[in-house]
Amino acid sequence: RFVKPLDERLLAEVGAKFRRVVTVEDGALRGGVGEAVTAFFNARGCGAEVRSLGIGDEWVEHGTPAQLYALCGYDEEGILRALLDAKR
């Protein structure tokens, strides 16, 4: 459930192997794993581009989890779209 402390060895491998990385979190983007991964890559001069999916700094309507995931863009379709975009 938690990713801290970061697995720096794994992230170093990922940063060396991939040009684009997609993170997904069921929570707020601000202060989340996507920001931590981006900071890790930036501090080490890694050129990997990070796209983070999750809840932005905004109010979210009420609804079922599935409705909210879709609204915030990290439902199955949103994740697939982000992965396909990352391939370009």
PDB file of N, CA and C in Angstrom:
ATOM      1  N   ARG A   1       0.815  -1.189   0.000  1.00  0.00           N
ATOM      2  CA  ARG A   1       0.000   0.000   0.000  1.00  0.00           C
ATOM      3  C   ARG A   1       0.856   1.250   0.000  1.00  0.00           C
ATOM      4  N   PHE A   2       2.012   1.193   0.592  1.00  0.00           N
ATOM      5  CA  PHE A   2       2.876   2.373   0.655  1.00  0.00           C
ATOM      6  C   PHE A   2       4.166   2.101  -0.106  1.00  0.00           C
ATOM      7  N   VAL A   3       4.749   3.123  -0.688  1.00  0.00           N
ATOM      8  CA  VAL A   3       5.966   2.946  -1.457  1.00  0.00           C
ATOM      9  C   VAL A   3       7.166   3.637  -0.826  1.00  0.00           C
ATOM     10  N   LYS A   4       6.965   4.195   0.348  1.00  0.00           N
ATOM     11  CA  LYS A   4       8.089   4.853   1.008  1.00  0.00           C
ATOM     12  C   LYS A   4       8.617   3.934   2.093  1.00  0.00           C
ATOM     13  N   PRO A   5       9.910   3.779   2.188  1.00  0.00           N
ATOM     14  CA  PRO A   5      10.907   4.483   1.389  1.00  0.00           C
ATOM     15  C   PRO A   5      10.941   3.941  -0.042  1.00  0.00           C
ATOM     16  N   LEU A   6      11.325   4.802  -0.970  1.00  0.00           N
ATOM     17  CA  LEU A   6      11.393   4.394  -2.366  1.00  0.00           C
ATOM     18  C   LEU A   6      12.439   3.306  -2.563  1.00  0.00           C
ATOM     19  N   ASP A   7      12.154   2.407  -3.476  1.00  0.00           N
ATOM     20  CA  ASP A   7      13.129   1.382  -3.867  1.00  0.00           C
ATOM     21  C   ASP A   7      14.057   2.039  -4.887  1.00  0.00           C
ATOM     22  N   GLU A   8      15.108   2.678  -4.393  1.00  0.00           N
ATOM     23  CA  GLU A   8      15.979   3.469  -5.254  1.00  0.00           C
ATOM     24  C   GLU A   8      16.720   2.617  -6.278  1.00  0.00           C
ATOM     25  N   ARG A   9      17.072   1.416  -5.919  1.00  0.00           N
ATOM     26  CA  ARG A   9      17.749   0.536  -6.879  1.00  0.00           C
ATOM     27  C   ARG A   9      16.834   0.213  -8.055  1.00  0.00           C
ATOM     28  N   LEU A  10      15.585  -0.112  -7.748  1.00  0.00           N
ATOM     29  CA  LEU A  10      14.622  -0.397  -8.810  1.00  0.00           C
ATOM     30  C   LEU A  10      14.371   0.841  -9.666  1.00  0.00           C
ATOM     31  N   LEU A  11      14.191   2.000  -9.028  1.00  0.00           N
ATOM     32  CA  LEU A  11      13.946   3.224  -9.791  1.00  0.00           C
ATOM     33  C   LEU A  11      15.134   3.588 -10.673  1.00  0.00           C
ATOM     34  N   ALA A  12      16.354   3.355 -10.202  1.00  0.00           N
ATOM     35  CA  ALA A  12      17.539   3.623 -11.021  1.00  0.00           C
ATOM     36  C   ALA A  12      17.523   2.736 -12.264  1.00  0.00           C
ATOM     37  N   GLU A  13      17.129   1.478 -12.106  1.00  0.00           N
ATOM     38  CA  GLU A  13      17.023   0.562 -13.251  1.00  0.00           C
ATOM     39  C   GLU A  13      15.945   1.033 -14.216  1.00  0.00           C
ATOM     40  N   VAL A  14      14.801   1.404 -13.674  1.00  0.00           N
ATOM     41  CA  VAL A  14      13.691   1.880 -14.509  1.00  0.00           C
ATOM     42  C   VAL A  14      14.105   3.140 -15.264  1.00  0.00           C
ATOM     43  N   GLY A  15      14.727   4.084 -14.558  1.00  0.00           N
ATOM     44  CA  GLY A  15      15.158   5.327 -15.179  1.00  0.00           C
ATOM     45  C   GLY A  15      16.186   5.128 -16.273  1.00  0.00           C
ATOM     46  N   ALA A  16      17.026   4.109 -16.131  1.00  0.00           N
ATOM     47  CA  ALA A  16      18.042   3.815 -17.136  1.00  0.00           C
ATOM     48  C   ALA A  16      17.453   3.075 -18.341  1.00  0.00           C
ATOM     49  N   LYS A  17      16.390   2.324 -18.109  1.00  0.00           N
ATOM     50  CA  LYS A  17      15.838   1.468 -19.166  1.00  0.00           C
ATOM     51  C   LYS A  17      14.723   2.121 -19.979  1.00  0.00           C
ATOM     52  N   PHE A  18      13.914   2.993 -19.337  1.00  0.00           N
ATOM     53  CA  PHE A  18      12.735   3.540 -19.992  1.00  0.00           C
ATOM     54  C   PHE A  18      12.824   5.051 -20.141  1.00  0.00           C
ATOM     55  N   ARG A  19      12.302   5.560 -21.247  1.00  0.00           N
ATOM     56  CA  ARG A  19      12.251   7.008 -21.475  1.00  0.00           C
ATOM     57  C   ARG A  19      10.992   7.613 -20.885  1.00  0.00           C
ATOM     58  N   ARG A  20       9.945   6.813 -20.734  1.00  0.00           N
ATOM     59  CA  ARG A  20       8.670   7.312 -20.213  1.00  0.00           C
ATOM     60  C   ARG A  20       8.159   6.356 -19.149  1.00  0.00           C
ATOM     61  N   VAL A  21       7.629   6.935 -18.064  1.00  0.00           N
ATOM     62  CA  VAL A  21       7.119   6.149 -16.937  1.00  0.00           C
ATOM     63  C   VAL A  21       5.739   6.693 -16.584  1.00  0.00           C
ATOM     64  N   VAL A  22       4.790   5.801 -16.332  1.00  0.00           N
ATOM     65  CA  VAL A  22       3.446   6.187 -15.904  1.00  0.00           C
ATOM     66  C   VAL A  22       3.246   5.692 -14.483  1.00  0.00           C
ATOM     67  N   THR A  23       2.842   6.608 -13.587  1.00  0.00           N
ATOM     68  CA  THR A  23       2.508   6.213 -12.214  1.00  0.00           C
ATOM     69  C   THR A  23       1.007   6.377 -12.025  1.00  0.00           C
ATOM     70  N   VAL A  24       0.431   5.516 -11.210  1.00  0.00           N
ATOM     71  CA  VAL A  24      -1.003   5.566 -10.928  1.00  0.00           C
ATOM     72  C   VAL A  24      -1.176   5.465  -9.422  1.00  0.00           C
ATOM     73  N   GLU A  25      -1.927   6.384  -8.873  1.00  0.00           N
ATOM     74  CA  GLU A  25      -2.192   6.309  -7.438  1.00  0.00           C
ATOM     75  C   GLU A  25      -3.649   6.613  -7.149  1.00  0.00           C
ATOM     76  N   ASP A  26      -4.181   5.905  -6.201  1.00  0.00           N
ATOM     77  CA  ASP A  26      -5.573   6.082  -5.782  1.00  0.00           C
ATOM     78  C   ASP A  26      -5.599   7.121  -4.672  1.00  0.00           C
ATOM     79  N   GLY A  27      -5.273   8.334  -5.041  1.00  0.00           N
ATOM     80  CA  GLY A  27      -5.212   9.420  -4.080  1.00  0.00           C
ATOM     81  C   GLY A  27      -4.697  10.676  -4.755  1.00  0.00           C
ATOM     82  N   ALA A  28      -4.337  11.654  -3.936  1.00  0.00           N
ATOM     83  CA  ALA A  28      -3.907  12.950  -4.440  1.00  0.00           C
ATOM     84  C   ALA A  28      -2.545  12.865  -5.117  1.00  0.00           C
ATOM     85  N   LEU A  29      -2.429  13.578  -6.234  1.00  0.00           N
ATOM     86  CA  LEU A  29      -1.160  13.638  -6.938  1.00  0.00           C
ATOM     87  C   LEU A  29      -0.129  14.451  -6.167  1.00  0.00           C
ATOM     88  N   ARG A  30      -0.590  15.543  -5.567  1.00  0.00           N
ATOM     89  CA  ARG A  30       0.327  16.408  -4.830  1.00  0.00           C
ATOM     90  C   ARG A  30       0.865  15.655  -3.614  1.00  0.00           C
ATOM     91  N   GLY A  31       2.179  15.526  -3.568  1.00  0.00           N
ATOM     92  CA  GLY A  31       2.814  14.810  -2.471  1.00  0.00           C
ATOM     93  C   GLY A  31       2.787  13.303  -2.633  1.00  0.00           C
ATOM     94  N   GLY A  32       2.398  12.836  -3.798  1.00  0.00           N
ATOM     95  CA  GLY A  32       2.259  11.405  -4.015  1.00  0.00           C
ATOM     96  C   GLY A  32       3.483  10.750  -4.629  1.00  0.00           C
ATOM     97  N   VAL A  33       3.308   9.507  -5.006  1.00  0.00           N
ATOM     98  CA  VAL A  33       4.411   8.709  -5.539  1.00  0.00           C
ATOM     99  C   VAL A  33       4.920   9.272  -6.858  1.00  0.00           C
ATOM    100  N   GLY A  34       4.043   9.817  -7.680  1.00  0.00           N
ATOM    101  CA  GLY A  34       4.486  10.389  -8.950  1.00  0.00           C
ATOM    102  C   GLY A  34       5.468  11.523  -8.740  1.00  0.00           C
ATOM    103  N   GLU A  35       5.187  12.383  -7.782  1.00  0.00           N
ATOM    104  CA  GLU A  35       6.109  13.476  -7.467  1.00  0.00           C
ATOM    105  C   GLU A  35       7.433  12.933  -6.929  1.00  0.00           C
ATOM    106  N   ALA A  36       7.368  11.898  -6.109  1.00  0.00           N
ATOM    107  CA  ALA A  36       8.590  11.308  -5.547  1.00  0.00           C
ATOM    108  C   ALA A  36       9.440  10.671  -6.647  1.00  0.00           C
ATOM    109  N   VAL A  37       8.810   9.971  -7.574  1.00  0.00           N
ATOM    110  CA  VAL A  37       9.529   9.342  -8.679  1.00  0.00           C
ATOM    111  C   VAL A  37      10.151  10.421  -9.570  1.00  0.00           C
ATOM    112  N   THR A  38       9.384  11.462  -9.875  1.00  0.00           N
ATOM    113  CA  THR A  38       9.907  12.560 -10.690  1.00  0.00           C
ATOM    114  C   THR A  38      11.103  13.214 -10.013  1.00  0.00           C
ATOM    115  N   ALA A  39      10.995  13.477  -8.723  1.00  0.00           N
ATOM    116  CA  ALA A  39      12.099  14.091  -7.984  1.00  0.00           C
ATOM    117  C   ALA A  39      13.327  13.184  -7.985  1.00  0.00           C
ATOM    118  N   PHE A  40      13.117  11.896  -7.834  1.00  0.00           N
ATOM    119  CA  PHE A  40      14.227  10.942  -7.856  1.00  0.00           C
ATOM    120  C   PHE A  40      14.944  11.004  -9.196  1.00  0.00           C
ATOM    121  N   PHE A  41      14.190  10.936 -10.293  1.00  0.00           N
ATOM    122  CA  PHE A  41      14.790  10.982 -11.629  1.00  0.00           C
ATOM    123  C   PHE A  41      15.506  12.311 -11.861  1.00  0.00           C
ATOM    124  N   ASN A  42      14.877  13.418 -11.491  1.00  0.00           N
ATOM    125  CA  ASN A  42      15.479  14.736 -11.688  1.00  0.00           C
ATOM    126  C   ASN A  42      16.782  14.889 -10.911  1.00  0.00           C
ATOM    127  N   ALA A  43      16.810  14.411  -9.682  1.00  0.00           N
ATOM    128  CA  ALA A  43      18.004  14.536  -8.845  1.00  0.00           C
ATOM    129  C   ALA A  43      19.182  13.749  -9.405  1.00  0.00           C
ATOM    130  N   ARG A  44      18.902  12.740 -10.196  1.00  0.00           N
ATOM    131  CA  ARG A  44      19.960  11.899 -10.746  1.00  0.00           C
ATOM    132  C   ARG A  44      20.213  12.169 -12.224  1.00  0.00           C
ATOM    133  N   GLY A  45      19.574  13.217 -12.765  1.00  0.00           N
ATOM    134  CA  GLY A  45      19.790  13.578 -14.163  1.00  0.00           C
ATOM    135  C   GLY A  45      19.230  12.577 -15.142  1.00  0.00           C
ATOM    136  N   CYS A  46      18.260  11.803 -14.701  1.00  0.00           N
ATOM    137  CA  CYS A  46      17.626  10.807 -15.571  1.00  0.00           C
ATOM    138  C   CYS A  46      16.659  11.520 -16.512  1.00  0.00           C
ATOM    139  N   GLY A  47      16.674  11.132 -17.774  1.00  0.00           N
ATOM    140  CA  GLY A  47      15.826  11.796 -18.747  1.00  0.00           C
ATOM    141  C   GLY A  47      14.427  11.223 -18.862  1.00  0.00           C
ATOM    142  N   ALA A  48      14.045  10.318 -17.981  1.00  0.00           N
ATOM    143  CA  ALA A  48      12.724   9.701 -18.080  1.00  0.00           C
ATOM    144  C   ALA A  48      11.632  10.724 -17.802  1.00  0.00           C
ATOM    145  N   GLU A  49      10.635  10.716 -18.654  1.00  0.00           N
ATOM    146  CA  GLU A  49       9.466  11.590 -18.489  1.00  0.00           C
ATOM    147  C   GLU A  49       8.414  10.829 -17.683  1.00  0.00           C
ATOM    148  N   VAL A  50       7.877  11.459 -16.640  1.00  0.00           N
ATOM    149  CA  VAL A  50       6.907  10.800 -15.764  1.00  0.00           C
ATOM    150  C   VAL A  50       5.536  11.406 -15.996  1.00  0.00           C
ATOM    151  N   ARG A  51       4.558  10.538 -16.231  1.00  0.00           N
ATOM    152  CA  ARG A  51       3.159  10.957 -16.324  1.00  0.00           C
ATOM    153  C   ARG A  51       2.447  10.336 -15.132  1.00  0.00           C
ATOM    154  N   SER A  52       1.844  11.164 -14.299  1.00  0.00           N
ATOM    155  CA  SER A  52       1.198  10.679 -13.081  1.00  0.00           C
ATOM    156  C   SER A  52      -0.315  10.782 -13.191  1.00  0.00           C
ATOM    157  N   LEU A  53      -0.992   9.700 -12.872  1.00  0.00           N
ATOM    158  CA  LEU A  53      -2.449   9.654 -12.863  1.00  0.00           C
ATOM    159  C   LEU A  53      -2.920   9.565 -11.421  1.00  0.00           C
ATOM    160  N   GLY A  54      -3.933  10.328 -11.089  1.00  0.00           N
ATOM    161  CA  GLY A  54      -4.484  10.333  -9.746  1.00  0.00           C
ATOM    162  C   GLY A  54      -5.418  11.521  -9.594  1.00  0.00           C
ATOM    163  N   ILE A  55      -5.672  11.907  -8.383  1.00  0.00           N
ATOM    164  CA  ILE A  55      -6.601  13.007  -8.109  1.00  0.00           C
ATOM    165  C   ILE A  55      -5.821  14.319  -8.086  1.00  0.00           C
ATOM    166  N   GLY A  56      -6.209  15.229  -8.970  1.00  0.00           N
ATOM    167  CA  GLY A  56      -5.572  16.534  -9.034  1.00  0.00           C
ATOM    168  C   GLY A  56      -5.964  17.396  -7.839  1.00  0.00           C
ATOM    169  N   ASP A  57      -5.432  18.605  -7.807  1.00  0.00           N
ATOM    170  CA  ASP A  57      -5.702  19.532  -6.711  1.00  0.00           C
ATOM    171  C   ASP A  57      -7.034  20.238  -6.986  1.00  0.00           C
ATOM    172  N   GLU A  58      -8.108  19.491  -6.825  1.00  0.00           N
ATOM    173  CA  GLU A  58      -9.445  19.991  -7.157  1.00  0.00           C
ATOM    174  C   GLU A  58     -10.496  19.212  -6.372  1.00  0.00           C
ATOM    175  N   TRP A  59     -11.676  19.780  -6.280  1.00  0.00           N
ATOM    176  CA  TRP A  59     -12.790  19.079  -5.646  1.00  0.00           C
ATOM    177  C   TRP A  59     -13.288  17.994  -6.583  1.00  0.00           C
ATOM    178  N   VAL A  60     -13.622  16.849  -6.023  1.00  0.00           N
ATOM    179  CA  VAL A  60     -14.139  15.728  -6.814  1.00  0.00           C
ATOM    180  C   VAL A  60     -15.562  15.454  -6.367  1.00  0.00           C
ATOM    181  N   GLU A  61     -16.427  15.269  -7.330  1.00  0.00           N
ATOM    182  CA  GLU A  61     -17.834  14.973  -7.052  1.00  0.00           C
ATOM    183  C   GLU A  61     -17.971  13.655  -6.299  1.00  0.00           C
ATOM    184  N   HIS A  62     -19.145  13.421  -5.753  1.00  0.00           N
ATOM    185  CA  HIS A  62     -19.447  12.145  -5.110  1.00  0.00           C
ATOM    186  C   HIS A  62     -19.834  11.135  -6.175  1.00  0.00           C
ATOM    187  N   GLY A  63     -19.582   9.877  -5.912  1.00  0.00           N
ATOM    188  CA  GLY A  63     -19.955   8.823  -6.835  1.00  0.00           C
ATOM    189  C   GLY A  63     -19.369   7.500  -6.385  1.00  0.00           C
ATOM    190  N   THR A  64     -19.621   6.490  -7.180  1.00  0.00           N
ATOM    191  CA  THR A  64     -19.045   5.183  -6.897  1.00  0.00           C
ATOM    192  C   THR A  64     -17.548   5.247  -7.190  1.00  0.00           C
ATOM    193  N   PRO A  65     -16.778   4.321  -6.642  1.00  0.00           N
ATOM    194  CA  PRO A  65     -15.350   4.320  -6.980  1.00  0.00           C
ATOM    195  C   PRO A  65     -15.107   4.289  -8.493  1.00  0.00           C
ATOM    196  N   ALA A  66     -15.838   3.467  -9.222  1.00  0.00           N
ATOM    197  CA  ALA A  66     -15.650   3.389 -10.670  1.00  0.00           C
ATOM    198  C   ALA A  66     -15.921   4.735 -11.336  1.00  0.00           C
ATOM    199  N   GLN A  67     -16.970   5.426 -10.918  1.00  0.00           N
ATOM    200  CA  GLN A  67     -17.278   6.735 -11.490  1.00  0.00           C
ATOM    201  C   GLN A  67     -16.168   7.739 -11.179  1.00  0.00           C
ATOM    202  N   LEU A  68     -15.659   7.700  -9.962  1.00  0.00           N
ATOM    203  CA  LEU A  68     -14.615   8.645  -9.565  1.00  0.00           C
ATOM    204  C   LEU A  68     -13.289   8.354 -10.264  1.00  0.00           C
ATOM    205  N   TYR A  69     -12.953   7.086 -10.435  1.00  0.00           N
ATOM    206  CA  TYR A  69     -11.733   6.742 -11.172  1.00  0.00           C
ATOM    207  C   TYR A  69     -11.817   7.282 -12.591  1.00  0.00           C
ATOM    208  N   ALA A  70     -12.973   7.099 -13.230  1.00  0.00           N
ATOM    209  CA  ALA A  70     -13.161   7.600 -14.593  1.00  0.00           C
ATOM    210  C   ALA A  70     -13.086   9.125 -14.623  1.00  0.00           C
ATOM    211  N   LEU A  71     -13.731   9.774 -13.675  1.00  0.00           N
ATOM    212  CA  LEU A  71     -13.733  11.235 -13.611  1.00  0.00           C
ATOM    213  C   LEU A  71     -12.316  11.785 -13.448  1.00  0.00           C
ATOM    214  N   CYS A  72     -11.500  11.109 -12.660  1.00  0.00           N
ATOM    215  CA  CYS A  72     -10.131  11.568 -12.396  1.00  0.00           C
ATOM    216  C   CYS A  72      -9.128  11.039 -13.418  1.00  0.00           C
ATOM    217  N   GLY A  73      -9.572  10.169 -14.324  1.00  0.00           N
ATOM    218  CA  GLY A  73      -8.716   9.707 -15.414  1.00  0.00           C
ATOM    219  C   GLY A  73      -7.799   8.551 -15.091  1.00  0.00           C
ATOM    220  N   TYR A  74      -8.097   7.816 -14.024  1.00  0.00           N
ATOM    221  CA  TYR A  74      -7.252   6.652 -13.767  1.00  0.00           C
ATOM    222  C   TYR A  74      -8.064   5.373 -13.630  1.00  0.00           C
ATOM    223  N   ASP A  75      -9.118   5.305 -14.421  1.00  0.00           N
ATOM    224  CA  ASP A  75      -9.832   4.049 -14.590  1.00  0.00           C
ATOM    225  C   ASP A  75      -9.074   3.230 -15.644  1.00  0.00           C
ATOM    226  N   GLU A  76      -9.587   2.067 -15.987  1.00  0.00           N
ATOM    227  CA  GLU A  76      -8.915   1.198 -16.949  1.00  0.00           C
ATOM    228  C   GLU A  76      -8.654   1.927 -18.266  1.00  0.00           C
ATOM    229  N   GLU A  77      -9.641   2.648 -18.752  1.00  0.00           N
ATOM    230  CA  GLU A  77      -9.495   3.371 -20.020  1.00  0.00           C
ATOM    231  C   GLU A  77      -8.444   4.484 -19.914  1.00  0.00           C
ATOM    232  N   GLY A  78      -8.460   5.214 -18.813  1.00  0.00           N
ATOM    233  CA  GLY A  78      -7.497   6.296 -18.619  1.00  0.00           C
ATOM    234  C   GLY A  78      -6.072   5.794 -18.531  1.00  0.00           C
ATOM    235  N   ILE A  79      -5.881   4.675 -17.845  1.00  0.00           N
ATOM    236  CA  ILE A  79      -4.548   4.090 -17.731  1.00  0.00           C
ATOM    237  C   ILE A  79      -4.071   3.603 -19.094  1.00  0.00           C
ATOM    238  N   LEU A  80      -4.952   2.927 -19.828  1.00  0.00           N
ATOM    239  CA  LEU A  80      -4.598   2.448 -21.158  1.00  0.00           C
ATOM    240  C   LEU A  80      -4.226   3.622 -22.065  1.00  0.00           C
ATOM    241  N   ARG A  81      -5.012   4.679 -22.022  1.00  0.00           N
ATOM    242  CA  ARG A  81      -4.740   5.870 -22.839  1.00  0.00           C
ATOM    243  C   ARG A  81      -3.365   6.464 -22.480  1.00  0.00           C
ATOM    244  N   ALA A  82      -3.049   6.553 -21.198  1.00  0.00           N
ATOM    245  CA  ALA A  82      -1.760   7.092 -20.764  1.00  0.00           C
ATOM    246  C   ALA A  82      -0.613   6.203 -21.237  1.00  0.00           C
ATOM    247  N   LEU A  83      -0.793   4.892 -21.167  1.00  0.00           N
ATOM    248  CA  LEU A  83       0.254   3.982 -21.625  1.00  0.00           C
ATOM    249  C   LEU A  83       0.461   4.080 -23.122  1.00  0.00           C
ATOM    250  N   LEU A  84      -0.628   4.171 -23.873  1.00  0.00           N
ATOM    251  CA  LEU A  84      -0.507   4.298 -25.328  1.00  0.00           C
ATOM    252  C   LEU A  84       0.134   5.628 -25.708  1.00  0.00           C
ATOM    253  N   ASP A  85      -0.241   6.690 -25.008  1.00  0.00           N
ATOM    254  CA  ASP A  85       0.372   7.999 -25.253  1.00  0.00           C
ATOM    255  C   ASP A  85       1.863   7.975 -24.941  1.00  0.00           C
ATOM    256  N   ALA A  86       2.251   7.213 -23.928  1.00  0.00           N
ATOM    257  CA  ALA A  86       3.659   7.135 -23.526  1.00  0.00           C
ATOM    258  C   ALA A  86       4.498   6.431 -24.589  1.00  0.00           C
ATOM    259  N   LYS A  87       3.865   5.595 -25.392  1.00  0.00           N
ATOM    260  CA  LYS A  87       4.598   4.888 -26.444  1.00  0.00           C
ATOM    261  C   LYS A  87       4.977   5.814 -27.603  1.00  0.00           C
ATOM    262  N   ARG A  88       4.307   6.946 -27.703  1.00  0.00           N
ATOM    263  CA  ARG A  88       4.548   7.865 -28.844  1.00  0.00           C
ATOM    264  C   ARG A  88       5.766   8.674 -28.655  1.00  0.00           C
TER     265      ARG A  88
END
